[in-house]
Protein backbone atom coordinates (compact mmCIF):
# COMPACT_ATOMS: atom_id res chain seq x y z
CA MET A 1 15.80 16.97 -10.55
CA GLU A 2 11.99 17.02 -10.64
CA SER A 3 10.41 17.74 -7.26
CA THR A 4 8.32 15.13 -5.44
CA GLY A 5 5.17 17.18 -5.99
CA GLY A 6 6.02 17.56 -9.67
CA ALA A 7 6.58 13.82 -10.05
CA TYR A 8 3.22 13.06 -8.45
CA ALA A 9 1.41 15.60 -10.65
CA ARG A 10 3.06 14.13 -13.76
CA ALA A 11 2.08 10.60 -12.68
CA ILE A 12 -1.57 11.62 -12.31
CA GLU A 13 -1.55 13.49 -15.63
CA ASP A 14 -0.11 10.52 -17.52
CA ALA A 15 -2.50 8.05 -15.85
CA THR A 16 -5.49 10.27 -16.66
CA LYS A 17 -4.53 10.52 -20.33
CA GLU A 18 -4.23 6.74 -20.58
CA PHE A 19 -7.62 6.34 -18.88
CA GLN A 20 -9.28 8.85 -21.20
CA ALA A 21 -7.90 7.12 -24.29
CA ALA A 22 -9.61 3.80 -23.47
CA VAL A 23 -13.21 2.76 -24.19
CA PRO A 24 -15.30 2.81 -20.97
CA ALA A 25 -17.30 -0.36 -21.69
CA VAL A 26 -14.14 -2.28 -22.55
CA MET A 27 -12.39 -1.06 -19.39
CA ALA A 28 -15.34 -2.02 -17.20
CA ARG A 29 -15.53 -5.53 -18.62
CA ALA A 30 -11.78 -6.16 -18.43
CA ALA A 31 -11.51 -4.77 -14.89
CA GLY A 32 -14.62 -6.50 -13.57
CA VAL A 33 -16.29 -3.28 -12.42
CA GLU A 34 -19.58 -1.46 -12.96
CA PHE A 35 -19.79 1.54 -15.30
CA ARG A 36 -22.79 3.82 -14.80
CA VAL A 37 -23.53 6.04 -17.78
CA ALA A 38 -24.67 9.58 -17.01
CA GLN A 39 -28.41 10.05 -17.43
CA SER A 40 -28.27 13.80 -17.95
CA PRO A 41 -25.77 16.47 -19.05
CA GLU A 42 -25.46 17.59 -15.42
CA GLU A 43 -24.26 14.17 -14.30
CA ALA A 44 -20.93 12.43 -14.86
CA SER A 45 -20.52 8.83 -15.87
CA VAL A 46 -18.78 6.85 -13.16
CA PHE A 47 -16.93 3.59 -12.59
CA LYS A 48 -17.65 1.76 -9.32
CA VAL A 49 -14.38 0.07 -8.39
CA PRO A 50 -14.14 -2.25 -5.34
CA PHE A 51 -10.83 -1.54 -3.61
CA MET A 52 -10.03 -3.97 -0.80
CA ASP A 53 -12.66 -3.09 1.83
CA ALA A 54 -13.66 0.21 0.17
CA LEU A 55 -15.37 1.41 -3.01
CA LEU A 56 -13.86 3.95 -5.39
CA ASP A 57 -15.93 6.23 -7.60
CA ILE A 58 -13.99 7.18 -10.74
CA SER A 59 -15.71 9.72 -12.95
CA HIS A 60 -15.43 9.64 -16.72
CA PRO A 61 -13.91 11.26 -18.68
CA ASP A 62 -12.08 13.48 -16.17
CA GLY A 63 -10.73 10.60 -14.05
CA ALA A 64 -11.49 12.11 -10.62
CA VAL A 65 -11.14 9.41 -7.94
CA THR A 66 -13.13 9.59 -4.70
CA SER A 67 -14.08 7.25 -1.87
CA GLY A 68 -16.96 8.03 0.44
CA GLY A 69 -17.21 11.49 -1.08
CA LYS A 70 -13.57 12.34 -0.32
CA GLY A 71 -10.75 12.69 -2.82
CA ALA A 72 -8.33 9.77 -2.94
CA VAL A 73 -4.61 10.11 -2.21
CA VAL A 74 -2.17 10.27 -5.11
CA ALA A 75 -1.09 6.64 -4.83
CA VAL A 76 -4.66 5.36 -5.09
CA ILE A 77 -5.49 7.70 -7.99
CA VAL A 78 -2.57 6.47 -10.07
CA VAL A 79 -2.98 2.74 -9.49
CA ALA A 80 -6.78 2.87 -9.88
CA LEU A 81 -6.63 4.70 -13.23
CA HIS A 82 -3.91 2.35 -14.46
CA TYR A 83 -5.93 -0.66 -13.29
CA LEU A 84 -8.91 0.42 -15.39
CA ALA A 85 -6.84 1.36 -18.44
CA ARG A 86 -4.64 -1.76 -18.48
CA SER A 87 -6.70 -4.67 -17.17
CA VAL A 88 -7.14 -7.64 -19.48
CA GLY A 89 -9.52 -9.77 -17.44
CA PRO A 90 -9.29 -11.90 -14.29
CA LEU A 91 -5.87 -12.87 -12.94
CA ASP A 92 -5.36 -15.61 -10.39
CA LEU A 93 -2.79 -16.90 -7.93
CA ALA A 94 -2.44 -20.35 -9.48
CA GLU A 95 1.22 -19.42 -10.06
CA PRO A 96 2.06 -16.88 -7.37
CA VAL A 97 5.28 -14.93 -7.54
CA ARG A 98 6.98 -12.66 -5.02
CA PHE A 99 7.68 -9.08 -6.03
CA PRO A 100 11.38 -9.60 -6.92
CA GLY A 101 10.29 -12.24 -9.44
CA LEU A 102 8.25 -9.77 -11.48
CA PRO A 103 9.74 -8.33 -14.69
CA GLY A 104 11.78 -5.20 -14.01
CA ALA A 105 11.36 -5.41 -10.23
CA SER A 106 15.02 -5.50 -9.22
CA ALA A 107 15.37 -1.71 -8.83
CA TYR A 108 12.40 -1.61 -6.45
CA ALA A 109 12.82 -4.90 -4.58
CA GLY A 110 14.61 -3.46 -1.54
CA ALA A 111 12.10 -0.65 -1.07
CA PHE A 112 9.19 -3.04 -1.55
CA ARG A 113 10.57 -5.36 1.09
CA SER A 114 11.14 -2.62 3.65
CA HIS A 115 7.85 -0.77 2.99
CA SER A 116 5.49 -3.72 2.53
CA GLU A 117 6.61 -7.05 3.95
CA VAL A 118 8.85 -5.96 6.84
CA PRO A 119 6.17 -3.79 8.55
CA LEU A 120 3.77 -6.75 8.41
CA LEU A 121 6.20 -9.23 9.92
CA GLN A 122 7.12 -6.69 12.62
CA ARG A 123 3.46 -6.23 13.53
CA PHE A 124 2.21 -9.79 13.17
CA GLY A 125 5.32 -11.94 13.71
CA GLU A 126 4.08 -12.94 17.14
CA ASP A 127 0.38 -12.21 16.65
CA GLY A 128 -1.13 -14.83 14.38
CA ALA A 129 -4.65 -14.17 15.66
CA GLY A 130 -4.33 -10.46 14.86
CA PHE A 131 -3.13 -11.29 11.35
CA VAL A 132 -6.06 -13.64 10.70
CA ALA A 133 -8.54 -11.03 11.97
CA ALA A 134 -7.06 -8.24 9.84
CA VAL A 135 -6.74 -10.21 6.61
CA SER A 136 -10.26 -11.63 7.06
CA ALA A 137 -11.61 -8.08 7.44
CA LEU A 138 -10.17 -7.27 4.00
CA GLY A 139 -12.07 -10.16 2.45
CA GLY A 140 -9.15 -12.58 2.54
CA VAL A 141 -9.82 -16.26 1.87
CA PRO A 142 -7.39 -18.86 3.25
CA ASP A 143 -6.00 -21.62 1.09
CA GLY A 144 -7.98 -24.79 1.76
CA GLY A 145 -10.46 -22.91 3.92
CA ILE A 146 -8.25 -23.27 7.01
CA GLU A 147 -8.12 -19.98 8.94
CA HIS A 148 -4.52 -20.09 10.07
CA PRO A 149 -1.81 -17.42 9.65
CA GLU A 150 0.72 -19.86 8.20
CA VAL A 151 -1.30 -20.62 5.08
CA SER A 152 -1.60 -18.46 1.98
CA TRP A 153 -4.47 -16.00 2.03
CA GLU A 154 -5.96 -14.50 -1.13
CA VAL A 155 -7.15 -10.90 -0.84
CA PRO A 156 -9.02 -9.05 -3.62
CA PHE A 157 -7.07 -5.81 -3.99
CA PHE A 158 -9.08 -4.97 -7.12
CA PRO A 159 -11.75 -7.29 -8.58
CA HIS A 160 -9.42 -8.89 -11.14
CA LEU A 161 -6.17 -8.40 -9.22
CA PRO A 162 -5.83 -10.58 -6.12
CA LEU A 163 -2.83 -10.54 -3.81
CA GLY A 164 -1.52 -13.39 -1.72
CA VAL A 165 -0.09 -13.02 1.77
CA ARG A 166 1.38 -15.57 4.13
CA LEU A 167 2.78 -15.15 7.63
CA GLY A 168 5.45 -17.33 9.21
CA LEU A 169 5.30 -16.99 12.98
CA ALA A 170 8.45 -16.64 15.06
CA GLU A 171 9.29 -19.97 16.72
CA ASP A 172 12.31 -20.90 18.85
CA THR A 173 15.33 -19.88 16.76
CA MET A 174 13.29 -19.31 13.59
CA PRO A 175 12.51 -15.61 12.93
CA ALA A 176 9.13 -14.43 11.73
CA GLU A 177 8.57 -13.98 8.00
CA CYS A 178 5.89 -12.41 5.86
CA VAL A 179 5.51 -12.84 2.11
CA ILE A 180 3.26 -10.96 -0.34
CA THR A 181 2.66 -12.63 -3.70
CA PHE A 182 1.20 -11.54 -7.04
CA PRO A 183 -0.35 -13.37 -9.99
CA ARG A 184 2.53 -14.27 -12.30
CA ARG A 185 0.81 -12.72 -15.33
CA CYS A 186 0.29 -9.35 -13.64
CA GLY A 187 3.90 -8.42 -14.34
CA PHE A 188 3.07 -8.44 -18.06
CA VAL A 189 -0.15 -6.43 -17.63
CA TYR A 190 0.66 -3.68 -15.14
CA HIS A 191 3.81 -1.61 -14.68
CA VAL A 192 6.06 -2.87 -11.92
CA GLU A 193 5.97 0.59 -10.30
CA ASP A 194 2.20 0.22 -9.87
CA LEU A 195 2.63 -3.24 -8.36
CA ALA A 196 5.18 -1.89 -5.87
CA VAL A 197 2.70 0.76 -4.77
CA ILE A 198 -0.12 -1.79 -4.64
CA GLY A 199 1.90 -3.92 -2.25
CA GLU A 200 2.60 -0.90 -0.05
CA LEU A 201 -1.06 0.19 -0.04
CA PHE A 202 -2.13 -3.34 0.83
CA ALA A 203 0.31 -3.56 3.74
CA ALA A 204 -0.69 -0.12 5.01
CA ARG A 205 -4.39 -1.01 4.94
CA LEU A 206 -3.77 -4.34 6.65
CA LEU A 207 -1.94 -2.52 9.45
CA GLU A 208 -4.74 0.06 9.72
CA VAL A 209 -7.35 -2.66 10.02
CA ALA A 210 -5.27 -4.46 12.64
CA GLU A 211 -4.99 -1.23 14.62
CA ALA A 212 -8.74 -0.69 14.46
CA THR A 213 -9.66 -4.26 15.36
CA SER A 214 -7.14 -4.45 18.20
CA GLY A 215 -8.61 -1.40 19.91
CA ALA A 216 -5.16 0.11 20.49
CA GLU A 217 -6.32 3.68 21.08
CA GLU A 218 -2.90 4.74 22.27
CA HIS A 219 -1.61 4.77 18.68
CA ALA A 220 -4.67 6.42 17.12
CA GLU A 221 -3.34 9.99 17.11
CA LEU A 222 0.38 9.84 16.48
CA MET A 223 2.13 13.04 15.43
CA ARG A 224 4.85 13.56 12.86
CA LEU A 225 8.18 14.29 14.50
CA THR A 226 10.36 14.51 11.41
CA THR A 227 10.55 13.44 7.78
CA LEU A 228 13.67 11.68 6.49
CA PHE A 229 14.86 10.43 3.12
CA SER A 230 16.76 7.29 4.10
CA ARG A 231 15.43 4.11 5.71
CA VAL A 232 18.73 3.64 7.53
CA GLU A 233 18.52 7.14 8.99
CA ALA A 234 14.86 6.67 9.93
CA ASP A 235 15.61 3.40 11.72
CA LEU A 236 18.49 5.11 13.54
CA VAL A 237 16.18 7.88 14.74
CA VAL A 238 13.62 5.35 16.01
CA ALA A 239 16.35 3.41 17.80
CA LYS A 240 17.58 6.59 19.48
CA LEU A 241 14.07 7.49 20.59
CA ARG A 242 13.37 4.03 21.94
CA SER A 243 16.65 4.07 23.86
CA ALA A 244 15.23 7.18 25.57
CA GLU A 245 12.03 5.18 26.28
CA ILE A 246 10.02 7.09 23.66
CA GLU A 247 7.89 4.86 21.45
CA ALA A 248 8.14 5.74 17.74
CA ILE A 249 7.29 4.22 14.36
CA VAL A 250 8.35 4.83 10.75
CA GLN A 251 5.55 5.52 8.28
CA PRO A 252 6.64 5.41 4.61
CA GLU A 253 4.80 7.91 2.44
CA ALA A 254 2.29 6.30 0.11
CA LEU A 255 3.70 6.29 -3.43
CA SER A 256 7.24 6.35 -2.00
CA VAL A 257 8.11 3.33 -4.10
CA VAL A 258 7.01 4.69 -7.48
CA PHE A 259 8.46 6.68 -10.38
CA GLY A 260 12.07 6.78 -9.23
CA LEU A 261 11.24 7.75 -5.64
CA THR A 262 12.42 4.43 -4.24
CA MET A 263 16.11 5.17 -4.28
CA ASP A 264 17.82 6.09 -1.06
CA GLY A 265 17.67 9.86 -0.68
CA HIS A 266 14.32 10.26 -2.44
CA ALA A 267 11.74 8.18 -0.52
CA ARG A 268 10.00 10.19 2.20
CA LEU A 269 9.72 8.45 5.59
CA HIS A 270 7.83 10.01 8.48
CA VAL A 271 8.82 9.29 12.09
CA LEU A 272 5.72 9.39 14.32
CA VAL A 273 5.46 9.67 18.11
CA ARG A 274 2.69 10.12 20.66
CA PRO A 275 1.59 13.75 21.17
CA GLU A 276 2.68 13.72 24.82
CA ASP A 277 6.19 12.61 23.77
CA LEU A 278 6.68 15.18 21.02
CA ALA A 279 8.61 17.81 22.98
CA GLU A 280 10.92 15.28 24.61
CA ALA A 281 11.50 13.52 21.27
CA ARG A 282 12.54 16.80 19.66
CA GLY A 283 15.07 17.24 22.42
CA VAL A 284 16.51 13.78 21.85
CA LEU A 285 16.93 14.46 18.13
CA ASP A 286 18.47 17.88 18.64
CA VAL A 287 21.09 16.43 20.95
CA GLU A 288 21.82 13.05 19.46
CA VAL A 289 20.88 12.97 15.79
CA ILE A 290 20.72 16.35 14.11
CA PRO A 291 24.23 17.80 13.67
């Protein structure tokens, strides 16, 4: 079996080749981005790609992806290069579809749900104001102009690829719900693996923005306790820690839902705890979880 690192390297290599095979001016027009041609042999041509609340610089022809002068993570590199190489013009949410409704999505639907939608409903299920603040910070626009969590919000993930997100607040006996939607046509333009990762990146960024805007400093410097390869096992570990009054969260690895890494036993899930709880948490796992 190919290692995780090998799979990531192969994904970047394949995406770069596809990017290099396309015509820059055509890519820029189809993707709705700016392409700056190098003015001297010492310079590189570069695409300027808006990416939620950030800006990616993608050099041509080598395909190096940076943001704010720093190299992008693997997940962002792959989806950004594929976005440029495969875009066909603006897509819209006139006919939104949930991830399981996209062509070929069935193998990834469970992982997408647990890595993208479930973390959002767990965080915002009883915090509509926090949801509105976070999605607004990412440039989200509410349907009908009404800033309320229980309407559909459109967020520009890339210029020609919007995502929809809607929160259903917990009420009486009704549980909270969160739904991420895609343009129906995007399933015929981009690979479903890319769309799975896009949903996960979107959810992760929404949670990061919520953390920043809420001012919850106590979660700013969590430390990795252990890495697991099963969502069930990760949830069990968190439950054990919380029963010992140790707060913990599960952080799926970016790109954990791409290129065959979504199946149980292959996705990498990090359990994080506060630094001051690390020693005690290790003791809990040694005694109660690790055989």
